Amino acid sequence: MKIQTKQIIKSGLLAGFIYALLMAGYDYSIGQDFRLLKFTINFIFFGFFIGILALYNAKKTNK
């Protein structure tokens, strides 16, 4: 696997985790309980979206 691909995957996972953590913190601050399913969905979908954007940016700048 290329180094660039690994960096895109890592950045997507990190961004998804941070987003899910912030959303869980927000839910907790307004009095809602922690829900693992919501945390996982936020983590996966946001991380995937950021990974796609990073891949698009990398391809666009390499042209």
C-alpha atoms as a PDB file:
ATOM      1  CA  MET A   1       0.000   0.000   0.000  1.00  0.00           C
ATOM      2  CA  LYS A   2       1.299   3.447  -0.875  1.00  0.00           C
ATOM      3  CA  ILE A   3       2.300   5.851   1.861  1.00  0.00           C
ATOM      4  CA  GLN A   4      -0.197   8.403   0.542  1.00  0.00           C
ATOM      5  CA  THR A   5      -3.031   5.868   0.812  1.00  0.00           C
ATOM      6  CA  LYS A   6      -2.063   5.036   4.387  1.00  0.00           C
ATOM      7  CA  GLN A   7      -2.045   8.728   5.276  1.00  0.00           C
ATOM      8  CA  ILE A   8      -5.509   9.209   3.770  1.00  0.00           C
ATOM      9  CA  ILE A   9      -6.882   6.263   5.743  1.00  0.00           C
ATOM     10  CA  LYS A  10      -5.272   7.477   8.962  1.00  0.00           C
ATOM     11  CA  SER A  11      -6.560  11.019   8.506  1.00  0.00           C
ATOM     12  CA  GLY A  12     -10.076   9.747   7.816  1.00  0.00           C
ATOM     13  CA  LEU A  13     -10.035   7.539  10.898  1.00  0.00           C
ATOM     14  CA  LEU A  14      -8.643  10.289  13.092  1.00  0.00           C
ATOM     15  CA  ALA A  15     -11.145  12.866  11.834  1.00  0.00           C
ATOM     16  CA  GLY A  16     -14.030  10.417  12.275  1.00  0.00           C
ATOM     17  CA  PHE A  17     -12.952   9.582  15.820  1.00  0.00           C
ATOM     18  CA  ILE A  18     -12.575  13.235  16.816  1.00  0.00           C
ATOM     19  CA  TYR A  19     -15.957  14.117  15.295  1.00  0.00           C
ATOM     20  CA  ALA A  20     -17.683  11.192  17.012  1.00  0.00           C
ATOM     21  CA  LEU A  21     -16.021  12.090  20.314  1.00  0.00           C
ATOM     22  CA  LEU A  22     -17.138  15.719  20.045  1.00  0.00           C
ATOM     23  CA  MET A  23     -20.688  14.693  19.171  1.00  0.00           C
ATOM     24  CA  ALA A  24     -20.788  12.264  22.108  1.00  0.00           C
ATOM     25  CA  GLY A  25     -19.533  15.067  24.366  1.00  0.00           C
ATOM     26  CA  TYR A  26     -22.220  17.382  23.071  1.00  0.00           C
ATOM     27  CA  ASP A  27     -24.923  14.768  23.627  1.00  0.00           C
ATOM     28  CA  TYR A  28     -23.643  14.236  27.167  1.00  0.00           C
ATOM     29  CA  SER A  29     -23.632  17.990  27.839  1.00  0.00           C
ATOM     30  CA  ILE A  30     -27.315  18.316  26.932  1.00  0.00           C
ATOM     31  CA  GLY A  31     -28.241  15.393  29.167  1.00  0.00           C
ATOM     32  CA  GLN A  32     -28.407  12.455  26.763  1.00  0.00           C
ATOM     33  CA  ASP A  33     -26.796   9.121  27.523  1.00  0.00           C
ATOM     34  CA  PHE A  34     -23.852   7.745  25.577  1.00  0.00           C
ATOM     35  CA  ARG A  35     -25.048   5.560  22.710  1.00  0.00           C
ATOM     36  CA  LEU A  36     -22.443   3.296  21.158  1.00  0.00           C
ATOM     37  CA  LEU A  37     -24.409   2.844  17.934  1.00  0.00           C
ATOM     38  CA  LYS A  38     -24.623   6.606  17.343  1.00  0.00           C
ATOM     39  CA  PHE A  39     -20.915   6.982  18.160  1.00  0.00           C
ATOM     40  CA  THR A  40     -20.006   4.205  15.704  1.00  0.00           C
ATOM     41  CA  ILE A  41     -22.199   5.618  12.932  1.00  0.00           C
ATOM     42  CA  ASN A  42     -20.720   9.108  13.389  1.00  0.00           C
ATOM     43  CA  PHE A  43     -17.211   7.639  13.389  1.00  0.00           C
ATOM     44  CA  ILE A  44     -17.663   5.528  10.264  1.00  0.00           C
ATOM     45  CA  PHE A  45     -19.644   7.914   8.078  1.00  0.00           C
ATOM     46  CA  PHE A  46     -17.739  11.081   8.891  1.00  0.00           C
ATOM     47  CA  GLY A  47     -14.395   9.268   8.626  1.00  0.00           C
ATOM     48  CA  PHE A  48     -15.411   7.789   5.282  1.00  0.00           C
ATOM     49  CA  PHE A  49     -16.541  11.187   3.994  1.00  0.00           C
ATOM     50  CA  ILE A  50     -13.288  12.874   5.048  1.00  0.00           C
ATOM     51  CA  GLY A  51     -11.291  10.017   3.504  1.00  0.00           C
ATOM     52  CA  ILE A  52     -13.113  10.472   0.197  1.00  0.00           C
ATOM     53  CA  LEU A  53     -12.451  14.219   0.267  1.00  0.00           C
ATOM     54  CA  ALA A  54      -8.772  13.665   1.044  1.00  0.00           C
ATOM     55  CA  LEU A  55      -8.485  11.165  -1.809  1.00  0.00           C
ATOM     56  CA  TYR A  56     -10.153  13.595  -4.208  1.00  0.00           C
ATOM     57  CA  ASN A  57      -7.823  16.384  -3.097  1.00  0.00           C
ATOM     58  CA  ALA A  58      -4.756  14.173  -3.485  1.00  0.00           C
ATOM     59  CA  LYS A  59      -5.758  13.138  -7.000  1.00  0.00           C
ATOM     60  CA  LYS A  60      -6.572  16.706  -7.972  1.00  0.00           C
ATOM     61  CA  THR A  61      -3.226  18.090  -6.765  1.00  0.00           C
ATOM     62  CA  ASN A  62      -1.210  15.311  -8.473  1.00  0.00           C
ATOM     63  CA  LYS A  63      -2.506  16.217 -11.941  1.00  0.00           C
END
